[in-house]
């Protein structure tokens, strides 16, 4: 029993390390999102840090339109980055979970 507990603890520590490594890697994963017409482009990391915004000249003529484009496109980019982030971290965490009887039922797996 004690050996099993030590094994589980080591597996949990290993999983925590992999989660931290995945978080670091996600900082380097770049995702591009753009408005439907391509006039505004946003580059964001999977850790949800905006790296670049490209704005077509014609959007600079209408402040309200530009603001709307920014809100919509940045929200789309953040949502996509969040999906990638959560999927990657969930995969690492699930892979490293110790095999505890009944745990998969609780997690819905």
Protein backbone atom coordinates (compact mmCIF):
# COMPACT_ATOMS: atom_id res chain seq x y z
CA UNK A 1 0.00 0.00 0.00
CA UNK A 2 2.76 2.45 0.96
CA UNK A 3 4.64 1.67 -2.27
CA UNK A 4 1.49 2.36 -4.28
CA UNK A 5 1.10 5.68 -2.49
CA UNK A 6 4.71 6.67 -3.25
CA UNK A 7 4.21 5.67 -6.88
CA UNK A 8 1.08 7.81 -7.09
CA UNK A 9 2.84 10.77 -5.49
CA UNK A 10 5.73 10.47 -7.96
CA UNK A 11 3.28 10.27 -10.85
CA UNK A 12 1.46 13.37 -9.60
CA UNK A 13 4.76 15.29 -9.31
CA UNK A 14 5.73 14.15 -12.81
CA UNK A 15 2.36 15.30 -14.14
CA UNK A 16 2.74 18.70 -12.43
CA UNK A 17 6.12 19.08 -14.13
CA UNK A 18 4.60 18.17 -17.51
CA UNK A 19 1.77 20.66 -16.96
CA UNK A 20 4.30 23.42 -16.24
CA UNK A 21 6.32 22.44 -19.34
CA UNK A 22 3.13 22.51 -21.40
CA UNK A 23 2.25 25.98 -20.06
CA UNK A 24 5.70 27.21 -21.12
CA UNK A 25 5.32 25.64 -24.58
CA UNK A 26 1.88 27.21 -25.01
CA UNK A 27 3.52 30.62 -24.66
CA UNK A 28 5.28 29.90 -27.98
CA UNK A 29 2.27 28.52 -29.89
CA UNK A 30 0.99 31.29 -32.17
CA UNK A 31 -2.59 31.44 -33.42
CA UNK A 32 -3.82 33.82 -36.11
CA UNK A 33 -7.37 35.12 -36.11
CA UNK A 34 -8.92 37.66 -38.46
CA UNK A 35 -12.14 39.52 -39.13
CA UNK A 36 -14.49 37.93 -41.67
CA UNK A 37 -13.27 40.31 -44.40
CA UNK A 38 -9.61 40.07 -43.42
CA UNK A 39 -9.23 43.78 -42.63
CA UNK A 40 -8.05 43.09 -39.08
CA UNK A 41 -5.68 40.31 -38.05
CA UNK A 42 -4.66 39.32 -34.53
CA UNK A 43 -1.84 36.98 -33.55
CA UNK A 44 -2.13 35.51 -30.06
CA UNK A 45 -0.28 32.83 -28.13
CA UNK A 46 -2.09 29.78 -26.79
CA UNK A 47 -1.42 31.27 -23.35
CA UNK A 48 -3.59 34.22 -24.43
CA UNK A 49 -0.97 36.91 -24.93
CA UNK A 50 -1.56 39.14 -27.95
CA UNK A 51 1.60 39.34 -30.05
CA UNK A 52 0.53 41.33 -33.09
CA UNK A 53 -2.38 43.28 -34.56
CA UNK A 54 -2.56 44.21 -38.26
CA UNK A 55 -5.10 46.85 -39.29
CA UNK A 56 -6.02 47.64 -42.90
CA UNK A 57 -5.71 51.34 -43.73
CA UNK A 58 -9.42 51.64 -44.56
CA UNK A 59 -10.32 50.77 -40.95
CA UNK A 60 -8.30 53.75 -39.72
CA UNK A 61 -10.86 56.10 -41.28
CA UNK A 62 -13.72 54.96 -39.00
CA UNK A 63 -12.93 54.86 -35.28
CA UNK A 64 -16.19 53.13 -34.28
CA UNK A 65 -15.81 50.45 -36.92
CA UNK A 66 -12.20 49.84 -35.87
CA UNK A 67 -13.23 49.51 -32.24
CA UNK A 68 -15.94 47.01 -33.18
CA UNK A 69 -13.49 45.01 -35.28
CA UNK A 70 -10.96 44.97 -32.45
CA UNK A 71 -13.48 43.75 -29.87
CA UNK A 72 -14.90 41.02 -32.11
CA UNK A 73 -11.59 39.76 -33.48
CA UNK A 74 -9.71 39.87 -30.19
CA UNK A 75 -12.57 38.01 -28.47
CA UNK A 76 -12.48 35.37 -31.22
CA UNK A 77 -8.71 35.04 -30.83
CA UNK A 78 -8.92 34.74 -27.03
CA UNK A 79 -11.68 32.11 -27.29
CA UNK A 80 -9.62 30.07 -29.75
CA UNK A 81 -6.47 30.38 -27.62
CA UNK A 82 -8.46 29.32 -24.55
CA UNK A 83 -9.74 26.21 -26.37
CA UNK A 84 -6.22 25.20 -27.40
CA UNK A 85 -4.83 25.99 -23.94
CA UNK A 86 -7.47 24.01 -22.06
CA UNK A 87 -7.33 21.04 -24.46
CA UNK A 88 -3.53 20.79 -24.19
CA UNK A 89 -3.49 21.08 -20.39
CA UNK A 90 -6.38 18.64 -19.99
CA UNK A 91 -4.61 16.08 -22.18
CA UNK A 92 -1.42 16.32 -20.10
CA UNK A 93 -3.30 16.18 -16.80
CA UNK A 94 -5.45 13.21 -17.86
CA UNK A 95 -2.42 11.32 -19.18
CA UNK A 96 -0.68 11.71 -15.84
CA UNK A 97 -3.57 10.89 -13.54
CA UNK A 98 -2.87 7.95 -11.25
CA UNK A 99 -5.14 4.97 -11.81
CA UNK A 100 -7.45 5.38 -8.82
CA UNK A 101 -10.47 3.06 -8.88
CA UNK A 102 -13.68 5.03 -9.40
CA UNK A 103 -11.86 8.27 -10.32
CA UNK A 104 -12.71 8.03 -14.02
CA UNK A 105 -16.40 7.79 -13.13
CA UNK A 106 -16.11 11.01 -11.11
CA UNK A 107 -14.28 12.80 -13.92
CA UNK A 108 -16.80 11.73 -16.52
CA UNK A 109 -14.31 9.72 -18.55
